[in-house]
Amino acid sequence: MASETLNIALSSPPDRDELVAEIFVSSQQLAEINTQFGYFCVEIYPRQDGQPWVLDYRQFLQSLTEAKARLIERIGDLPADEA
């Protein structure tokens, strides 16, 4: 599991007012970055089989950074965001 590719997709889910970045491992959603509270927020989702996610730290951090960058490219940076 630790060496699987993480994929990023931008989407507009019906339960969100703004664009979000979704991070997937294969076809399972691992996380979502959204701005629903006025800052960049990460939601981590459980695996479908109930087991813990085991991820390469650098790859996961890189995917979070890339997902945020893609959101900024589309919606702009948030004034209160310092990271």
PDB file of N, CA and C in Angstrom:
ATOM      1  N   MET A   1       0.829  -1.198   0.000  1.00  0.00           N
ATOM      2  CA  MET A   1       0.000   0.000   0.000  1.00  0.00           C
ATOM      3  C   MET A   1       0.866   1.251   0.000  1.00  0.00           C
ATOM      4  N   ALA A   2       1.982   1.264   0.673  1.00  0.00           N
ATOM      5  CA  ALA A   2       2.775   2.476   0.834  1.00  0.00           C
ATOM      6  C   ALA A   2       3.323   3.011  -0.483  1.00  0.00           C
ATOM      7  N   SER A   3       3.472   2.186  -1.504  1.00  0.00           N
ATOM      8  CA  SER A   3       4.053   2.658  -2.753  1.00  0.00           C
ATOM      9  C   SER A   3       3.014   2.905  -3.842  1.00  0.00           C
ATOM     10  N   GLU A   4       1.742   2.843  -3.535  1.00  0.00           N
ATOM     11  CA  GLU A   4       0.715   3.085  -4.538  1.00  0.00           C
ATOM     12  C   GLU A   4       0.669   4.556  -4.923  1.00  0.00           C
ATOM     13  N   THR A   5       0.281   4.811  -6.155  1.00  0.00           N
ATOM     14  CA  THR A   5       0.188   6.174  -6.654  1.00  0.00           C
ATOM     15  C   THR A   5      -1.016   6.891  -6.068  1.00  0.00           C
ATOM     16  N   LEU A   6      -0.803   8.127  -5.653  1.00  0.00           N
ATOM     17  CA  LEU A   6      -1.879   8.977  -5.176  1.00  0.00           C
ATOM     18  C   LEU A   6      -2.294   9.881  -6.329  1.00  0.00           C
ATOM     19  N   ASN A   7      -3.584   9.939  -6.607  1.00  0.00           N
ATOM     20  CA  ASN A   7      -4.106  10.745  -7.700  1.00  0.00           C
ATOM     21  C   ASN A   7      -4.954  11.879  -7.139  1.00  0.00           C
ATOM     22  N   ILE A   8      -4.892  13.022  -7.806  1.00  0.00           N
ATOM     23  CA  ILE A   8      -5.616  14.214  -7.370  1.00  0.00           C
ATOM     24  C   ILE A   8      -6.636  14.589  -8.433  1.00  0.00           C
ATOM     25  N   ALA A   9      -7.840  14.912  -7.973  1.00  0.00           N
ATOM     26  CA  ALA A   9      -8.899  15.371  -8.883  1.00  0.00           C
ATOM     27  C   ALA A   9      -9.595  16.574  -8.250  1.00  0.00           C
ATOM     28  N   LEU A  10      -9.825  17.605  -9.051  1.00  0.00           N
ATOM     29  CA  LEU A  10     -10.625  18.735  -8.587  1.00  0.00           C
ATOM     30  C   LEU A  10     -12.076  18.434  -8.914  1.00  0.00           C
ATOM     31  N   SER A  11     -12.964  18.751  -7.981  1.00  0.00           N
ATOM     32  CA  SER A  11     -14.378  18.484  -8.229  1.00  0.00           C
ATOM     33  C   SER A  11     -15.249  19.481  -7.477  1.00  0.00           C
ATOM     34  N   SER A  12     -16.508  19.484  -7.821  1.00  0.00           N
ATOM     35  CA  SER A  12     -17.515  20.326  -7.164  1.00  0.00           C
ATOM     36  C   SER A  12     -18.608  19.430  -6.611  1.00  0.00           C
ATOM     37  N   PRO A  13     -18.369  18.777  -5.465  1.00  0.00           N
ATOM     38  CA  PRO A  13     -19.388  17.894  -4.903  1.00  0.00           C
ATOM     39  C   PRO A  13     -20.652  18.673  -4.532  1.00  0.00           C
ATOM     40  N   PRO A  14     -21.792  18.025  -4.589  1.00  0.00           N
ATOM     41  CA  PRO A  14     -23.051  18.718  -4.293  1.00  0.00           C
ATOM     42  C   PRO A  14     -23.160  19.212  -2.850  1.00  0.00           C
ATOM     43  N   ASP A  15     -22.386  18.628  -1.934  1.00  0.00           N
ATOM     44  CA  ASP A  15     -22.450  19.053  -0.528  1.00  0.00           C
ATOM     45  C   ASP A  15     -21.433  20.141  -0.178  1.00  0.00           C
ATOM     46  N   ARG A  16     -20.759  20.712  -1.187  1.00  0.00           N
ATOM     47  CA  ARG A  16     -19.769  21.774  -0.965  1.00  0.00           C
ATOM     48  C   ARG A  16     -20.147  22.997  -1.803  1.00  0.00           C
ATOM     49  N   ASP A  17     -19.885  24.179  -1.267  1.00  0.00           N
ATOM     50  CA  ASP A  17     -20.151  25.413  -1.997  1.00  0.00           C
ATOM     51  C   ASP A  17     -19.009  25.779  -2.940  1.00  0.00           C
ATOM     52  N   GLU A  18     -17.824  25.276  -2.656  1.00  0.00           N
ATOM     53  CA  GLU A  18     -16.626  25.615  -3.424  1.00  0.00           C
ATOM     54  C   GLU A  18     -16.002  24.366  -4.041  1.00  0.00           C
ATOM     55  N   LEU A  19     -15.086  24.605  -4.950  1.00  0.00           N
ATOM     56  CA  LEU A  19     -14.301  23.550  -5.558  1.00  0.00           C
ATOM     57  C   LEU A  19     -13.460  22.868  -4.482  1.00  0.00           C
ATOM     58  N   VAL A  20     -13.248  21.570  -4.598  1.00  0.00           N
ATOM     59  CA  VAL A  20     -12.414  20.815  -3.661  1.00  0.00           C
ATOM     60  C   VAL A  20     -11.374  20.020  -4.440  1.00  0.00           C
ATOM     61  N   ALA A  21     -10.318  19.607  -3.745  1.00  0.00           N
ATOM     62  CA  ALA A  21      -9.325  18.701  -4.318  1.00  0.00           C
ATOM     63  C   ALA A  21      -9.460  17.365  -3.592  1.00  0.00           C
ATOM     64  N   GLU A  22      -9.678  16.325  -4.352  1.00  0.00           N
ATOM     65  CA  GLU A  22      -9.818  14.982  -3.781  1.00  0.00           C
ATOM     66  C   GLU A  22      -8.552  14.191  -4.073  1.00  0.00           C
ATOM     67  N   ILE A  23      -8.096  13.418  -3.095  1.00  0.00           N
ATOM     68  CA  ILE A  23      -6.915  12.580  -3.249  1.00  0.00           C
ATOM     69  C   ILE A  23      -7.360  11.128  -3.160  1.00  0.00           C
ATOM     70  N   PHE A  24      -6.986  10.362  -4.178  1.00  0.00           N
ATOM     71  CA  PHE A  24      -7.390   8.962  -4.287  1.00  0.00           C
ATOM     72  C   PHE A  24      -6.192   8.028  -4.279  1.00  0.00           C
ATOM     73  N   VAL A  25      -6.390   6.841  -3.723  1.00  0.00           N
ATOM     74  CA  VAL A  25      -5.485   5.707  -3.872  1.00  0.00           C
ATOM     75  C   VAL A  25      -6.300   4.681  -4.638  1.00  0.00           C
ATOM     76  N   SER A  26      -5.878   4.384  -5.859  1.00  0.00           N
ATOM     77  CA  SER A  26      -6.682   3.574  -6.775  1.00  0.00           C
ATOM     78  C   SER A  26      -8.046   4.241  -6.901  1.00  0.00           C
ATOM     79  N   SER A  27      -9.126   3.532  -6.600  1.00  0.00           N
ATOM     80  CA  SER A  27     -10.457   4.132  -6.727  1.00  0.00           C
ATOM     81  C   SER A  27     -11.032   4.582  -5.379  1.00  0.00           C
ATOM     82  N   GLN A  28     -10.241   4.473  -4.307  1.00  0.00           N
ATOM     83  CA  GLN A  28     -10.721   4.855  -2.975  1.00  0.00           C
ATOM     84  C   GLN A  28     -10.280   6.277  -2.636  1.00  0.00           C
ATOM     85  N   GLN A  29     -11.215   7.071  -2.174  1.00  0.00           N
ATOM     86  CA  GLN A  29     -10.872   8.428  -1.763  1.00  0.00           C
ATOM     87  C   GLN A  29     -10.195   8.384  -0.403  1.00  0.00           C
ATOM     88  N   LEU A  30      -9.016   8.967  -0.361  1.00  0.00           N
ATOM     89  CA  LEU A  30      -8.221   9.037   0.861  1.00  0.00           C
ATOM     90  C   LEU A  30      -8.496  10.333   1.612  1.00  0.00           C
ATOM     91  N   ALA A  31      -8.548  11.446   0.880  1.00  0.00           N
ATOM     92  CA  ALA A  31      -8.669  12.747   1.535  1.00  0.00           C
ATOM     93  C   ALA A  31      -9.304  13.766   0.606  1.00  0.00           C
ATOM     94  N   GLU A  32      -9.697  14.869   1.216  1.00  0.00           N
ATOM     95  CA  GLU A  32     -10.243  16.010   0.470  1.00  0.00           C
ATOM     96  C   GLU A  32      -9.687  17.273   1.092  1.00  0.00           C
ATOM     97  N   ILE A  33      -9.284  18.210   0.252  1.00  0.00           N
ATOM     98  CA  ILE A  33      -8.904  19.540   0.719  1.00  0.00           C
ATOM     99  C   ILE A  33     -10.012  20.478   0.281  1.00  0.00           C
ATOM    100  N   ASN A  34     -10.558  21.226   1.244  1.00  0.00           N
ATOM    101  CA  ASN A  34     -11.623  22.164   0.925  1.00  0.00           C
ATOM    102  C   ASN A  34     -11.388  23.468   1.675  1.00  0.00           C
ATOM    103  N   THR A  35     -12.219  24.455   1.372  1.00  0.00           N
ATOM    104  CA  THR A  35     -12.099  25.776   2.006  1.00  0.00           C
ATOM    105  C   THR A  35     -13.406  26.181   2.683  1.00  0.00           C
ATOM    106  N   GLN A  36     -14.181  25.221   3.115  1.00  0.00           N
ATOM    107  CA  GLN A  36     -15.518  25.507   3.640  1.00  0.00           C
ATOM    108  C   GLN A  36     -15.522  26.370   4.898  1.00  0.00           C
ATOM    109  N   PHE A  37     -14.413  26.434   5.631  1.00  0.00           N
ATOM    110  CA  PHE A  37     -14.364  27.250   6.843  1.00  0.00           C
ATOM    111  C   PHE A  37     -13.556  28.533   6.652  1.00  0.00           C
ATOM    112  N   GLY A  38     -13.210  28.838   5.400  1.00  0.00           N
ATOM    113  CA  GLY A  38     -12.442  30.046   5.113  1.00  0.00           C
ATOM    114  C   GLY A  38     -10.940  29.846   5.154  1.00  0.00           C
ATOM    115  N   TYR A  39     -10.505  28.616   5.337  1.00  0.00           N
ATOM    116  CA  TYR A  39      -9.081  28.265   5.286  1.00  0.00           C
ATOM    117  C   TYR A  39      -8.980  26.879   4.676  1.00  0.00           C
ATOM    118  N   PHE A  40      -7.776  26.486   4.280  1.00  0.00           N
ATOM    119  CA  PHE A  40      -7.602  25.160   3.694  1.00  0.00           C
ATOM    120  C   PHE A  40      -7.712  24.103   4.794  1.00  0.00           C
ATOM    121  N   CYS A  41      -8.628  23.181   4.584  1.00  0.00           N
ATOM    122  CA  CYS A  41      -8.948  22.142   5.560  1.00  0.00           C
ATOM    123  C   CYS A  41      -8.785  20.776   4.875  1.00  0.00           C
ATOM    124  N   VAL A  42      -8.231  19.815   5.597  1.00  0.00           N
ATOM    125  CA  VAL A  42      -8.067  18.457   5.069  1.00  0.00           C
ATOM    126  C   VAL A  42      -9.018  17.527   5.808  1.00  0.00           C
ATOM    127  N   GLU A  43      -9.797  16.778   5.053  1.00  0.00           N
ATOM    128  CA  GLU A  43     -10.627  15.720   5.622  1.00  0.00           C
ATOM    129  C   GLU A  43     -10.026  14.389   5.182  1.00  0.00           C
ATOM    130  N   ILE A  44      -9.766  13.516   6.147  1.00  0.00           N
ATOM    131  CA  ILE A  44      -9.226  12.183   5.874  1.00  0.00           C
ATOM    132  C   ILE A  44     -10.369  11.191   5.986  1.00  0.00           C
ATOM    133  N   TYR A  45     -10.505  10.333   4.987  1.00  0.00           N
ATOM    134  CA  TYR A  45     -11.589   9.358   4.962  1.00  0.00           C
ATOM    135  C   TYR A  45     -11.066   7.962   5.296  1.00  0.00           C
ATOM    136  N   PRO A  46     -11.886   7.130   5.925  1.00  0.00           N
ATOM    137  CA  PRO A  46     -11.456   5.763   6.248  1.00  0.00           C
ATOM    138  C   PRO A  46     -11.394   4.887   4.996  1.00  0.00           C
ATOM    139  N   ARG A  47     -10.548   3.874   5.058  1.00  0.00           N
ATOM    140  CA  ARG A  47     -10.522   2.896   3.968  1.00  0.00           C
ATOM    141  C   ARG A  47     -11.819   2.102   3.974  1.00  0.00           C
ATOM    142  N   GLN A  48     -12.204   1.623   2.804  1.00  0.00           N
ATOM    143  CA  GLN A  48     -13.441   0.854   2.677  1.00  0.00           C
ATOM    144  C   GLN A  48     -13.387  -0.457   3.457  1.00  0.00           C
ATOM    145  N   ASP A  49     -12.188  -1.031   3.603  1.00  0.00           N
ATOM    146  CA  ASP A  49     -12.071  -2.305   4.312  1.00  0.00           C
ATOM    147  C   ASP A  49     -11.843  -2.139   5.813  1.00  0.00           C
ATOM    148  N   GLY A  50     -11.814  -0.893   6.295  1.00  0.00           N
ATOM    149  CA  GLY A  50     -11.649  -0.640   7.722  1.00  0.00           C
ATOM    150  C   GLY A  50     -10.216  -0.676   8.212  1.00  0.00           C
ATOM    151  N   GLN A  51      -9.276  -1.046   7.362  1.00  0.00           N
ATOM    152  CA  GLN A  51      -7.869  -1.089   7.746  1.00  0.00           C
ATOM    153  C   GLN A  51      -7.282   0.322   7.715  1.00  0.00           C
ATOM    154  N   PRO A  52      -6.203   0.557   8.441  1.00  0.00           N
ATOM    155  CA  PRO A  52      -5.585   1.885   8.402  1.00  0.00           C
ATOM    156  C   PRO A  52      -4.852   2.113   7.075  1.00  0.00           C
ATOM    157  N   TRP A  53      -4.800   3.376   6.674  1.00  0.00           N
ATOM    158  CA  TRP A  53      -3.986   3.731   5.514  1.00  0.00           C
ATOM    159  C   TRP A  53      -2.528   3.643   5.924  1.00  0.00           C
ATOM    160  N   VAL A  54      -1.685   3.062   5.078  1.00  0.00           N
ATOM    161  CA  VAL A  54      -0.240   3.043   5.274  1.00  0.00           C
ATOM    162  C   VAL A  54       0.345   3.686   4.026  1.00  0.00           C
ATOM    163  N   LEU A  55       0.887   4.894   4.197  1.00  0.00           N
ATOM    164  CA  LEU A  55       1.324   5.699   3.064  1.00  0.00           C
ATOM    165  C   LEU A  55       2.772   6.126   3.233  1.00  0.00           C
ATOM    166  N   ASP A  56       3.440   6.335   2.123  1.00  0.00           N
ATOM    167  CA  ASP A  56       4.756   6.928   2.148  1.00  0.00           C
ATOM    168  C   ASP A  56       4.597   8.399   2.554  1.00  0.00           C
ATOM    169  N   TYR A  57       5.275   8.799   3.605  1.00  0.00           N
ATOM    170  CA  TYR A  57       5.121  10.153   4.147  1.00  0.00           C
ATOM    171  C   TYR A  57       5.392  11.222   3.094  1.00  0.00           C
ATOM    172  N   ARG A  58       6.515  11.102   2.387  1.00  0.00           N
ATOM    173  CA  ARG A  58       6.873  12.130   1.396  1.00  0.00           C
ATOM    174  C   ARG A  58       5.865  12.196   0.266  1.00  0.00           C
ATOM    175  N   GLN A  59       5.400  11.045  -0.179  1.00  0.00           N
ATOM    176  CA  GLN A  59       4.419  11.007  -1.263  1.00  0.00           C
ATOM    177  C   GLN A  59       3.095  11.635  -0.814  1.00  0.00           C
ATOM    178  N   PHE A  60       2.665  11.353   0.405  1.00  0.00           N
ATOM    179  CA  PHE A  60       1.425  11.922   0.917  1.00  0.00           C
ATOM    180  C   PHE A  60       1.559  13.436   1.075  1.00  0.00           C
ATOM    181  N   LEU A  61       2.661  13.891   1.652  1.00  0.00           N
ATOM    182  CA  LEU A  61       2.894  15.321   1.817  1.00  0.00           C
ATOM    183  C   LEU A  61       2.938  16.022   0.463  1.00  0.00           C
ATOM    184  N   GLN A  62       3.592  15.400  -0.505  1.00  0.00           N
ATOM    185  CA  GLN A  62       3.663  15.974  -1.850  1.00  0.00           C
ATOM    186  C   GLN A  62       2.267  16.066  -2.476  1.00  0.00           C
ATOM    187  N   SER A  63       1.435  15.054  -2.280  1.00  0.00           N
ATOM    188  CA  SER A  63       0.094  15.086  -2.855  1.00  0.00           C
ATOM    189  C   SER A  63      -0.759  16.171  -2.200  1.00  0.00           C
ATOM    190  N   LEU A  64      -0.611  16.386  -0.874  1.00  0.00           N
ATOM    191  CA  LEU A  64      -1.332  17.466  -0.204  1.00  0.00           C
ATOM    192  C   LEU A  64      -0.894  18.824  -0.742  1.00  0.00           C
ATOM    193  N   THR A  65       0.403  18.994  -0.919  1.00  0.00           N
ATOM    194  CA  THR A  65       0.946  20.252  -1.438  1.00  0.00           C
ATOM    195  C   THR A  65       0.468  20.508  -2.859  1.00  0.00           C
ATOM    196  N   GLU A  66       0.509  19.474  -3.691  1.00  0.00           N
ATOM    197  CA  GLU A  66       0.053  19.617  -5.075  1.00  0.00           C
ATOM    198  C   GLU A  66      -1.448  19.895  -5.151  1.00  0.00           C
ATOM    199  N   ALA A  67      -2.227  19.214  -4.321  1.00  0.00           N
ATOM    200  CA  ALA A  67      -3.677  19.422  -4.318  1.00  0.00           C
ATOM    201  C   ALA A  67      -4.012  20.859  -3.922  1.00  0.00           C
ATOM    202  N   LYS A  68      -3.336  21.379  -2.907  1.00  0.00           N
ATOM    203  CA  LYS A  68      -3.561  22.764  -2.486  1.00  0.00           C
ATOM    204  C   LYS A  68      -3.164  23.723  -3.605  1.00  0.00           C
ATOM    205  N   ALA A  69      -2.037  23.469  -4.252  1.00  0.00           N
ATOM    206  CA  ALA A  69      -1.583  24.335  -5.345  1.00  0.00           C
ATOM    207  C   ALA A  69      -2.596  24.355  -6.485  1.00  0.00           C
ATOM    208  N   ARG A  70      -3.173  23.210  -6.804  1.00  0.00           N
ATOM    209  CA  ARG A  70      -4.186  23.159  -7.867  1.00  0.00           C
ATOM    210  C   ARG A  70      -5.432  23.959  -7.491  1.00  0.00           C
ATOM    211  N   LEU A  71      -5.826  23.872  -6.215  1.00  0.00           N
ATOM    212  CA  LEU A  71      -6.968  24.674  -5.763  1.00  0.00           C
ATOM    213  C   LEU A  71      -6.649  26.163  -5.858  1.00  0.00           C
ATOM    214  N   ILE A  72      -5.468  26.568  -5.399  1.00  0.00           N
ATOM    215  CA  ILE A  72      -5.077  27.975  -5.460  1.00  0.00           C
ATOM    216  C   ILE A  72      -5.076  28.469  -6.907  1.00  0.00           C
ATOM    217  N   GLU A  73      -4.596  27.626  -7.807  1.00  0.00           N
ATOM    218  CA  GLU A  73      -4.573  27.979  -9.229  1.00  0.00           C
ATOM    219  C   GLU A  73      -5.976  28.271  -9.758  1.00  0.00           C
ATOM    220  N   ARG A  74      -6.963  27.545  -9.273  1.00  0.00           N
ATOM    221  CA  ARG A  74      -8.347  27.699  -9.746  1.00  0.00           C
ATOM    222  C   ARG A  74      -9.157  28.726  -8.975  1.00  0.00           C
ATOM    223  N   ILE A  75      -8.996  28.779  -7.649  1.00  0.00           N
ATOM    224  CA  ILE A  75      -9.857  29.670  -6.852  1.00  0.00           C
ATOM    225  C   ILE A  75      -9.106  30.844  -6.233  1.00  0.00           C
ATOM    226  N   GLY A  76      -7.786  30.823  -6.301  1.00  0.00           N
ATOM    227  CA  GLY A  76      -6.982  31.863  -5.671  1.00  0.00           C
ATOM    228  C   GLY A  76      -6.650  31.498  -4.239  1.00  0.00           C
ATOM    229  N   ASP A  77      -5.614  32.167  -3.720  1.00  0.00           N
ATOM    230  CA  ASP A  77      -5.211  31.902  -2.338  1.00  0.00           C
ATOM    231  C   ASP A  77      -6.187  32.571  -1.383  1.00  0.00           C
ATOM    232  N   LEU A  78      -6.226  32.088  -0.187  1.00  0.00           N
ATOM    233  CA  LEU A  78      -7.104  32.656   0.832  1.00  0.00           C
ATOM    234  C   LEU A  78      -6.325  33.696   1.628  1.00  0.00           C
ATOM    235  N   PRO A  79      -6.912  34.847   1.909  1.00  0.00           N
ATOM    236  CA  PRO A  79      -6.205  35.923   2.610  1.00  0.00           C
ATOM    237  C   PRO A  79      -5.612  35.497   3.955  1.00  0.00           C
ATOM    238  N   ALA A  80      -6.313  34.665   4.701  1.00  0.00           N
ATOM    239  CA  ALA A  80      -5.848  34.285   6.034  1.00  0.00           C
ATOM    240  C   ALA A  80      -4.858  33.139   6.012  1.00  0.00           C
ATOM    241  N   ASP A  81      -4.613  32.536   4.834  1.00  0.00           N
ATOM    242  CA  ASP A  81      -3.745  31.376   4.766  1.00  0.00           C
ATOM    243  C   ASP A  81      -2.289  31.817   4.732  1.00  0.00           C
ATOM    244  N   GLU A  82      -1.503  31.317   5.680  1.00  0.00           N
ATOM    245  CA  GLU A  82      -0.089  31.692   5.767  1.00  0.00           C
ATOM    246  C   GLU A  82       0.828  30.574   5.347  1.00  0.00           C
ATOM    247  N   ALA A  83       0.297  29.385   5.071  1.00  0.00           N
ATOM    248  CA  ALA A  83       1.160  28.251   4.724  1.00  0.00           C
ATOM    249  C   ALA A  83       1.136  27.969   3.250  1.00  0.00           C
TER     250      ALA A  83
END
